[in-house]
Amino acid sequence: MCAVRDDQCVEVDREPDQDKTRCDWSPRREDKWFCACGHEWNTFETGGVALPCPHQWTTTQRLSCSQWSAHSDWYAK
């Protein structure tokens, strides 16, 4: 997955950061991520699925600090 902020793109999919304090960030509707297949979308609108591939992303990058966390952690349980 490639997270985009200020036209910067990080194309890395990796495990969630377990040893770091998470930054305080909340996703907005206009935030966009890019899949390796080239699809641009808001990952929270599809539960982490890039529909054209379709690839299920299990981690999501926080755009404010580039930390990764499990995508499922973002939803109320």
PDB file of N, CA and C in Angstrom:
ATOM      1  N   MET A   1       0.852  -1.169   0.000  1.00  0.00           N
ATOM      2  CA  MET A   1       0.000   0.000   0.000  1.00  0.00           C
ATOM      3  C   MET A   1       0.891   1.222   0.000  1.00  0.00           C
ATOM      4  N   CYS A   2       0.428   2.239  -0.626  1.00  0.00           N
ATOM      5  CA  CYS A   2       1.143   3.497  -0.673  1.00  0.00           C
ATOM      6  C   CYS A   2       0.252   4.546  -0.034  1.00  0.00           C
ATOM      7  N   ALA A   3       0.709   5.131   1.038  1.00  0.00           N
ATOM      8  CA  ALA A   3      -0.053   6.202   1.672  1.00  0.00           C
ATOM      9  C   ALA A   3       0.435   7.529   1.116  1.00  0.00           C
ATOM     10  N   VAL A   4      -0.461   8.455   0.903  1.00  0.00           N
ATOM     11  CA  VAL A   4      -0.098   9.731   0.295  1.00  0.00           C
ATOM     12  C   VAL A   4      -0.412  10.870   1.242  1.00  0.00           C
ATOM     13  N   ARG A   5       0.548  11.737   1.412  1.00  0.00           N
ATOM     14  CA  ARG A   5       0.360  12.961   2.181  1.00  0.00           C
ATOM     15  C   ARG A   5       1.301  13.989   1.607  1.00  0.00           C
ATOM     16  N   ASP A   6       0.791  15.158   1.267  1.00  0.00           N
ATOM     17  CA  ASP A   6       1.592  16.220   0.671  1.00  0.00           C
ATOM     18  C   ASP A   6       2.367  15.714  -0.543  1.00  0.00           C
ATOM     19  N   ASP A   7       1.685  14.934  -1.388  1.00  0.00           N
ATOM     20  CA  ASP A   7       2.251  14.377  -2.613  1.00  0.00           C
ATOM     21  C   ASP A   7       3.442  13.465  -2.374  1.00  0.00           C
ATOM     22  N   GLN A   8       3.618  12.962  -1.169  1.00  0.00           N
ATOM     23  CA  GLN A   8       4.669  11.995  -0.851  1.00  0.00           C
ATOM     24  C   GLN A   8       4.030  10.616  -0.808  1.00  0.00           C
ATOM     25  N   CYS A   9       4.733   9.613  -1.307  1.00  0.00           N
ATOM     26  CA  CYS A   9       4.180   8.272  -1.378  1.00  0.00           C
ATOM     27  C   CYS A   9       5.181   7.268  -0.812  1.00  0.00           C
ATOM     28  N   VAL A  10       4.711   6.418   0.080  1.00  0.00           N
ATOM     29  CA  VAL A  10       5.537   5.355   0.638  1.00  0.00           C
ATOM     30  C   VAL A  10       4.919   4.037   0.206  1.00  0.00           C
ATOM     31  N   GLU A  11       5.634   3.252  -0.595  1.00  0.00           N
ATOM     32  CA  GLU A  11       5.094   2.012  -1.135  1.00  0.00           C
ATOM     33  C   GLU A  11       5.639   0.815  -0.370  1.00  0.00           C
ATOM     34  N   VAL A  12       5.223   0.667   0.859  1.00  0.00           N
ATOM     35  CA  VAL A  12       5.702  -0.413   1.701  1.00  0.00           C
ATOM     36  C   VAL A  12       4.521  -1.027   2.424  1.00  0.00           C
ATOM     37  N   ASP A  13       4.447  -2.338   2.423  1.00  0.00           N
ATOM     38  CA  ASP A  13       3.458  -3.037   3.225  1.00  0.00           C
ATOM     39  C   ASP A  13       4.238  -3.832   4.247  1.00  0.00           C
ATOM     40  N   ARG A  14       4.011  -3.590   5.507  1.00  0.00           N
ATOM     41  CA  ARG A  14       4.763  -4.268   6.548  1.00  0.00           C
ATOM     42  C   ARG A  14       3.903  -4.471   7.766  1.00  0.00           C
ATOM     43  N   GLU A  15       4.467  -5.110   8.752  1.00  0.00           N
ATOM     44  CA  GLU A  15       3.727  -5.407   9.970  1.00  0.00           C
ATOM     45  C   GLU A  15       3.453  -4.128  10.765  1.00  0.00           C
ATOM     46  N   PRO A  16       2.389  -4.123  11.557  1.00  0.00           N
ATOM     47  CA  PRO A  16       2.092  -2.963  12.393  1.00  0.00           C
ATOM     48  C   PRO A  16       3.222  -2.673  13.380  1.00  0.00           C
ATOM     49  N   ASP A  17       3.396  -1.400  13.704  1.00  0.00           N
ATOM     50  CA  ASP A  17       4.396  -1.001  14.697  1.00  0.00           C
ATOM     51  C   ASP A  17       3.914  -1.432  16.070  1.00  0.00           C
ATOM     52  N   GLN A  18       4.646  -2.329  16.691  1.00  0.00           N
ATOM     53  CA  GLN A  18       4.252  -2.837  17.997  1.00  0.00           C
ATOM     54  C   GLN A  18       4.927  -2.083  19.138  1.00  0.00           C
ATOM     55  N   ASP A  19       6.096  -1.500  18.887  1.00  0.00           N
ATOM     56  CA  ASP A  19       6.886  -0.930  19.959  1.00  0.00           C
ATOM     57  C   ASP A  19       6.867   0.594  19.994  1.00  0.00           C
ATOM     58  N   LYS A  20       6.089   1.239  19.156  1.00  0.00           N
ATOM     59  CA  LYS A  20       6.048   2.690  19.116  1.00  0.00           C
ATOM     60  C   LYS A  20       4.725   3.200  19.676  1.00  0.00           C
ATOM     61  N   THR A  21       4.776   4.379  20.252  1.00  0.00           N
ATOM     62  CA  THR A  21       3.547   5.045  20.654  1.00  0.00           C
ATOM     63  C   THR A  21       2.887   5.568  19.389  1.00  0.00           C
ATOM     64  N   ARG A  22       1.640   5.274  19.215  1.00  0.00           N
ATOM     65  CA  ARG A  22       0.949   5.697  18.001  1.00  0.00           C
ATOM     66  C   ARG A  22       0.704   7.195  18.014  1.00  0.00           C
ATOM     67  N   CYS A  23       0.857   7.787  16.835  1.00  0.00           N
ATOM     68  CA  CYS A  23       0.576   9.215  16.716  1.00  0.00           C
ATOM     69  C   CYS A  23      -0.933   9.431  16.737  1.00  0.00           C
ATOM     70  N   ASP A  24      -1.335  10.607  17.112  1.00  0.00           N
ATOM     71  CA  ASP A  24      -2.749  10.949  17.176  1.00  0.00           C
ATOM     72  C   ASP A  24      -3.177  11.426  15.794  1.00  0.00           C
ATOM     73  N   TRP A  25      -3.934  10.613  15.088  1.00  0.00           N
ATOM     74  CA  TRP A  25      -4.371  10.939  13.738  1.00  0.00           C
ATOM     75  C   TRP A  25      -5.704  10.282  13.466  1.00  0.00           C
ATOM     76  N   SER A  26      -6.572  11.003  12.794  1.00  0.00           N
ATOM     77  CA  SER A  26      -7.860  10.457  12.390  1.00  0.00           C
ATOM     78  C   SER A  26      -7.995  10.608  10.880  1.00  0.00           C
ATOM     79  N   PRO A  27      -8.374   9.547  10.177  1.00  0.00           N
ATOM     80  CA  PRO A  27      -8.523   9.631   8.723  1.00  0.00           C
ATOM     81  C   PRO A  27      -9.694  10.529   8.340  1.00  0.00           C
ATOM     82  N   ARG A  28      -9.529  11.178   7.189  1.00  0.00           N
ATOM     83  CA  ARG A  28     -10.588  12.020   6.630  1.00  0.00           C
ATOM     84  C   ARG A  28     -11.076  11.397   5.330  1.00  0.00           C
ATOM     85  N   ARG A  29     -12.265  11.750   4.915  1.00  0.00           N
ATOM     86  CA  ARG A  29     -12.835  11.211   3.684  1.00  0.00           C
ATOM     87  C   ARG A  29     -11.946  11.501   2.480  1.00  0.00           C
ATOM     88  N   GLU A  30     -11.273  12.637   2.434  1.00  0.00           N
ATOM     89  CA  GLU A  30     -10.458  13.017   1.281  1.00  0.00           C
ATOM     90  C   GLU A  30      -9.055  12.390   1.279  1.00  0.00           C
ATOM     91  N   ASP A  31      -8.659  11.704   2.345  1.00  0.00           N
ATOM     92  CA  ASP A  31      -7.363  11.028   2.386  1.00  0.00           C
ATOM     93  C   ASP A  31      -7.348   9.878   1.389  1.00  0.00           C
ATOM     94  N   LYS A  32      -6.203   9.670   0.722  1.00  0.00           N
ATOM     95  CA  LYS A  32      -6.091   8.629  -0.299  1.00  0.00           C
ATOM     96  C   LYS A  32      -4.863   7.759  -0.068  1.00  0.00           C
ATOM     97  N   TRP A  33      -5.004   6.488  -0.417  1.00  0.00           N
ATOM     98  CA  TRP A  33      -3.922   5.510  -0.408  1.00  0.00           C
ATOM     99  C   TRP A  33      -3.823   4.947  -1.812  1.00  0.00           C
ATOM    100  N   PHE A  34      -2.679   4.388  -2.160  1.00  0.00           N
ATOM    101  CA  PHE A  34      -2.480   3.766  -3.470  1.00  0.00           C
ATOM    102  C   PHE A  34      -2.047   2.320  -3.286  1.00  0.00           C
ATOM    103  N   CYS A  35      -2.673   1.433  -4.022  1.00  0.00           N
ATOM    104  CA  CYS A  35      -2.303   0.017  -3.997  1.00  0.00           C
ATOM    105  C   CYS A  35      -1.181  -0.226  -5.004  1.00  0.00           C
ATOM    106  N   ALA A  36      -0.493  -1.325  -4.859  1.00  0.00           N
ATOM    107  CA  ALA A  36       0.553  -1.698  -5.809  1.00  0.00           C
ATOM    108  C   ALA A  36      -0.005  -1.839  -7.224  1.00  0.00           C
ATOM    109  N   CYS A  37      -1.307  -2.110  -7.362  1.00  0.00           N
ATOM    110  CA  CYS A  37      -1.930  -2.223  -8.682  1.00  0.00           C
ATOM    111  C   CYS A  37      -2.199  -0.861  -9.314  1.00  0.00           C
ATOM    112  N   GLY A  38      -1.950   0.221  -8.570  1.00  0.00           N
ATOM    113  CA  GLY A  38      -2.143   1.570  -9.088  1.00  0.00           C
ATOM    114  C   GLY A  38      -3.469   2.209  -8.707  1.00  0.00           C
ATOM    115  N   HIS A  39      -4.328   1.468  -8.019  1.00  0.00           N
ATOM    116  CA  HIS A  39      -5.642   1.990  -7.629  1.00  0.00           C
ATOM    117  C   HIS A  39      -5.494   3.029  -6.515  1.00  0.00           C
ATOM    118  N   GLU A  40      -6.173   4.164  -6.661  1.00  0.00           N
ATOM    119  CA  GLU A  40      -6.205   5.218  -5.637  1.00  0.00           C
ATOM    120  C   GLU A  40      -7.576   5.207  -4.992  1.00  0.00           C
ATOM    121  N   TRP A  41      -7.596   5.168  -3.657  1.00  0.00           N
ATOM    122  CA  TRP A  41      -8.884   5.120  -2.956  1.00  0.00           C
ATOM    123  C   TRP A  41      -8.703   5.452  -1.480  1.00  0.00           C
ATOM    124  N   ASN A  42      -9.830   5.658  -0.814  1.00  0.00           N
ATOM    125  CA  ASN A  42      -9.812   5.810   0.629  1.00  0.00           C
ATOM    126  C   ASN A  42     -10.015   4.417   1.215  1.00  0.00           C
ATOM    127  N   THR A  43      -8.988   3.892   1.840  1.00  0.00           N
ATOM    128  CA  THR A  43      -8.977   2.506   2.310  1.00  0.00           C
ATOM    129  C   THR A  43     -10.094   2.204   3.308  1.00  0.00           C
ATOM    130  N   PHE A  44     -10.598   3.228   3.997  1.00  0.00           N
ATOM    131  CA  PHE A  44     -11.647   3.000   4.985  1.00  0.00           C
ATOM    132  C   PHE A  44     -13.032   2.878   4.355  1.00  0.00           C
ATOM    133  N   GLU A  45     -13.170   3.283   3.113  1.00  0.00           N
ATOM    134  CA  GLU A  45     -14.448   3.133   2.417  1.00  0.00           C
ATOM    135  C   GLU A  45     -14.680   1.695   1.958  1.00  0.00           C
ATOM    136  N   THR A  46     -13.622   0.886   1.902  1.00  0.00           N
ATOM    137  CA  THR A  46     -13.756  -0.489   1.405  1.00  0.00           C
ATOM    138  C   THR A  46     -13.210  -1.517   2.388  1.00  0.00           C
ATOM    139  N   GLY A  47     -12.928  -1.112   3.613  1.00  0.00           N
ATOM    140  CA  GLY A  47     -12.401  -2.044   4.598  1.00  0.00           C
ATOM    141  C   GLY A  47     -11.014  -2.553   4.260  1.00  0.00           C
ATOM    142  N   GLY A  48     -10.232  -1.721   3.560  1.00  0.00           N
ATOM    143  CA  GLY A  48      -8.865  -2.096   3.226  1.00  0.00           C
ATOM    144  C   GLY A  48      -8.721  -2.870   1.927  1.00  0.00           C
ATOM    145  N   VAL A  49      -9.786  -2.995   1.146  1.00  0.00           N
ATOM    146  CA  VAL A  49      -9.721  -3.747  -0.108  1.00  0.00           C
ATOM    147  C   VAL A  49      -9.528  -2.786  -1.279  1.00  0.00           C
ATOM    148  N   ALA A  50      -8.480  -3.051  -2.077  1.00  0.00           N
ATOM    149  CA  ALA A  50      -8.292  -2.321  -3.327  1.00  0.00           C
ATOM    150  C   ALA A  50      -9.117  -3.062  -4.379  1.00  0.00           C
ATOM    151  N   LEU A  51     -10.254  -2.529  -4.739  1.00  0.00           N
ATOM    152  CA  LEU A  51     -11.242  -3.249  -5.536  1.00  0.00           C
ATOM    153  C   LEU A  51     -10.755  -3.747  -6.899  1.00  0.00           C
ATOM    154  N   PRO A  52      -9.936  -3.019  -7.662  1.00  0.00           N
ATOM    155  CA  PRO A  52      -9.519  -3.541  -8.961  1.00  0.00           C
ATOM    156  C   PRO A  52      -8.654  -4.801  -8.879  1.00  0.00           C
ATOM    157  N   CYS A  53      -7.891  -4.994  -7.808  1.00  0.00           N
ATOM    158  CA  CYS A  53      -6.966  -6.143  -7.723  1.00  0.00           C
ATOM    159  C   CYS A  53      -7.693  -7.474  -7.556  1.00  0.00           C
ATOM    160  N   PRO A  54      -8.511  -7.745  -6.621  1.00  0.00           N
ATOM    161  CA  PRO A  54      -8.738  -7.077  -5.338  1.00  0.00           C
ATOM    162  C   PRO A  54      -7.748  -7.597  -4.290  1.00  0.00           C
ATOM    163  N   HIS A  55      -7.091  -6.688  -3.624  1.00  0.00           N
ATOM    164  CA  HIS A  55      -6.134  -7.044  -2.586  1.00  0.00           C
ATOM    165  C   HIS A  55      -6.672  -6.552  -1.249  1.00  0.00           C
ATOM    166  N   GLN A  56      -6.629  -7.398  -0.228  1.00  0.00           N
ATOM    167  CA  GLN A  56      -7.074  -7.041   1.121  1.00  0.00           C
ATOM    168  C   GLN A  56      -5.850  -6.606   1.925  1.00  0.00           C
ATOM    169  N   TRP A  57      -5.761  -5.329   2.252  1.00  0.00           N
ATOM    170  CA  TRP A  57      -4.660  -4.817   3.066  1.00  0.00           C
ATOM    171  C   TRP A  57      -4.976  -5.038   4.537  1.00  0.00           C
ATOM    172  N   THR A  58      -4.071  -5.655   5.259  1.00  0.00           N
ATOM    173  CA  THR A  58      -4.286  -5.927   6.677  1.00  0.00           C
ATOM    174  C   THR A  58      -3.666  -4.857   7.555  1.00  0.00           C
ATOM    175  N   THR A  59      -2.820  -4.008   6.980  1.00  0.00           N
ATOM    176  CA  THR A  59      -2.227  -2.893   7.717  1.00  0.00           C
ATOM    177  C   THR A  59      -2.513  -1.596   6.971  1.00  0.00           C
ATOM    178  N   THR A  60      -2.533  -0.511   7.714  1.00  0.00           N
ATOM    179  CA  THR A  60      -2.786   0.809   7.145  1.00  0.00           C
ATOM    180  C   THR A  60      -1.789   1.790   7.731  1.00  0.00           C
ATOM    181  N   GLN A  61      -1.262   2.657   6.881  1.00  0.00           N
ATOM    182  CA  GLN A  61      -0.299   3.648   7.334  1.00  0.00           C
ATOM    183  C   GLN A  61      -1.010   4.920   7.777  1.00  0.00           C
ATOM    184  N   ARG A  62      -0.610   5.406   8.942  1.00  0.00           N
ATOM    185  CA  ARG A  62      -1.136   6.683   9.444  1.00  0.00           C
ATOM    186  C   ARG A  62      -0.447   7.801   8.670  1.00  0.00           C
ATOM    187  N   LEU A  63      -1.228   8.662   8.034  1.00  0.00           N
ATOM    188  CA  LEU A  63      -0.654   9.668   7.156  1.00  0.00           C
ATOM    189  C   LEU A  63       0.118  10.753   7.894  1.00  0.00           C
ATOM    190  N   SER A  64      -0.168  10.995   9.144  1.00  0.00           N
ATOM    191  CA  SER A  64       0.500  12.080   9.865  1.00  0.00           C
ATOM    192  C   SER A  64       1.902  11.716  10.322  1.00  0.00           C
ATOM    193  N   CYS A  65       2.184  10.425  10.524  1.00  0.00           N
ATOM    194  CA  CYS A  65       3.486  10.046  11.074  1.00  0.00           C
ATOM    195  C   CYS A  65       4.094   8.820  10.409  1.00  0.00           C
ATOM    196  N   SER A  66       3.427   8.259   9.413  1.00  0.00           N
ATOM    197  CA  SER A  66       3.909   7.110   8.644  1.00  0.00           C
ATOM    198  C   SER A  66       3.999   5.815   9.438  1.00  0.00           C
ATOM    199  N   GLN A  67       3.415   5.748  10.618  1.00  0.00           N
ATOM    200  CA  GLN A  67       3.384   4.497  11.381  1.00  0.00           C
ATOM    201  C   GLN A  67       2.293   3.603  10.799  1.00  0.00           C
ATOM    202  N   TRP A  68       2.512   2.294  10.924  1.00  0.00           N
ATOM    203  CA  TRP A  68       1.556   1.309  10.429  1.00  0.00           C
ATOM    204  C   TRP A  68       0.830   0.654  11.590  1.00  0.00           C
ATOM    205  N   SER A  69      -0.425   0.310  11.373  1.00  0.00           N
ATOM    206  CA  SER A  69      -1.185  -0.428  12.382  1.00  0.00           C
ATOM    207  C   SER A  69      -2.150  -1.360  11.662  1.00  0.00           C
ATOM    208  N   ALA A  70      -2.649  -2.331  12.393  1.00  0.00           N
ATOM    209  CA  ALA A  70      -3.607  -3.265  11.811  1.00  0.00           C
ATOM    210  C   ALA A  70      -4.837  -2.495  11.335  1.00  0.00           C
ATOM    211  N   HIS A  71      -5.273  -2.773  10.126  1.00  0.00           N
ATOM    212  CA  HIS A  71      -6.436  -2.074   9.575  1.00  0.00           C
ATOM    213  C   HIS A  71      -7.670  -2.308  10.441  1.00  0.00           C
ATOM    214  N   SER A  72      -7.807  -3.503  10.966  1.00  0.00           N
ATOM    215  CA  SER A  72      -8.983  -3.833  11.785  1.00  0.00           C
ATOM    216  C   SER A  72      -9.052  -3.014  13.061  1.00  0.00           C
ATOM    217  N   ASP A  73      -7.919  -2.471  13.534  1.00  0.00           N
ATOM    218  CA  ASP A  73      -7.903  -1.660  14.756  1.00  0.00           C
ATOM    219  C   ASP A  73      -8.658  -0.343  14.605  1.00  0.00           C
ATOM    220  N   TRP A  74      -8.941   0.070  13.389  1.00  0.00           N
ATOM    221  CA  TRP A  74      -9.580   1.351  13.147  1.00  0.00           C
ATOM    222  C   TRP A  74     -11.103   1.308  13.311  1.00  0.00           C
ATOM    223  N   TYR A  75     -11.666   0.140  13.441  1.00  0.00           N
ATOM    224  CA  TYR A  75     -13.128   0.015  13.466  1.00  0.00           C
ATOM    225  C   TYR A  75     -13.606  -0.294  14.877  1.00  0.00           C
ATOM    226  N   ALA A  76     -14.783   0.248  15.227  1.00  0.00           N
ATOM    227  CA  ALA A  76     -15.385  -0.017  16.534  1.00  0.00           C
ATOM    228  C   ALA A  76     -15.707  -1.491  16.635  1.00  0.00           C
ATOM    229  N   LYS A  77     -15.489  -2.042  17.812  1.00  0.00           N
ATOM    230  CA  LYS A  77     -15.723  -3.470  18.008  1.00  0.00           C
ATOM    231  C   LYS A  77     -16.892  -3.709  18.911  1.00  0.00           C
TER     232      LYS A  77
END
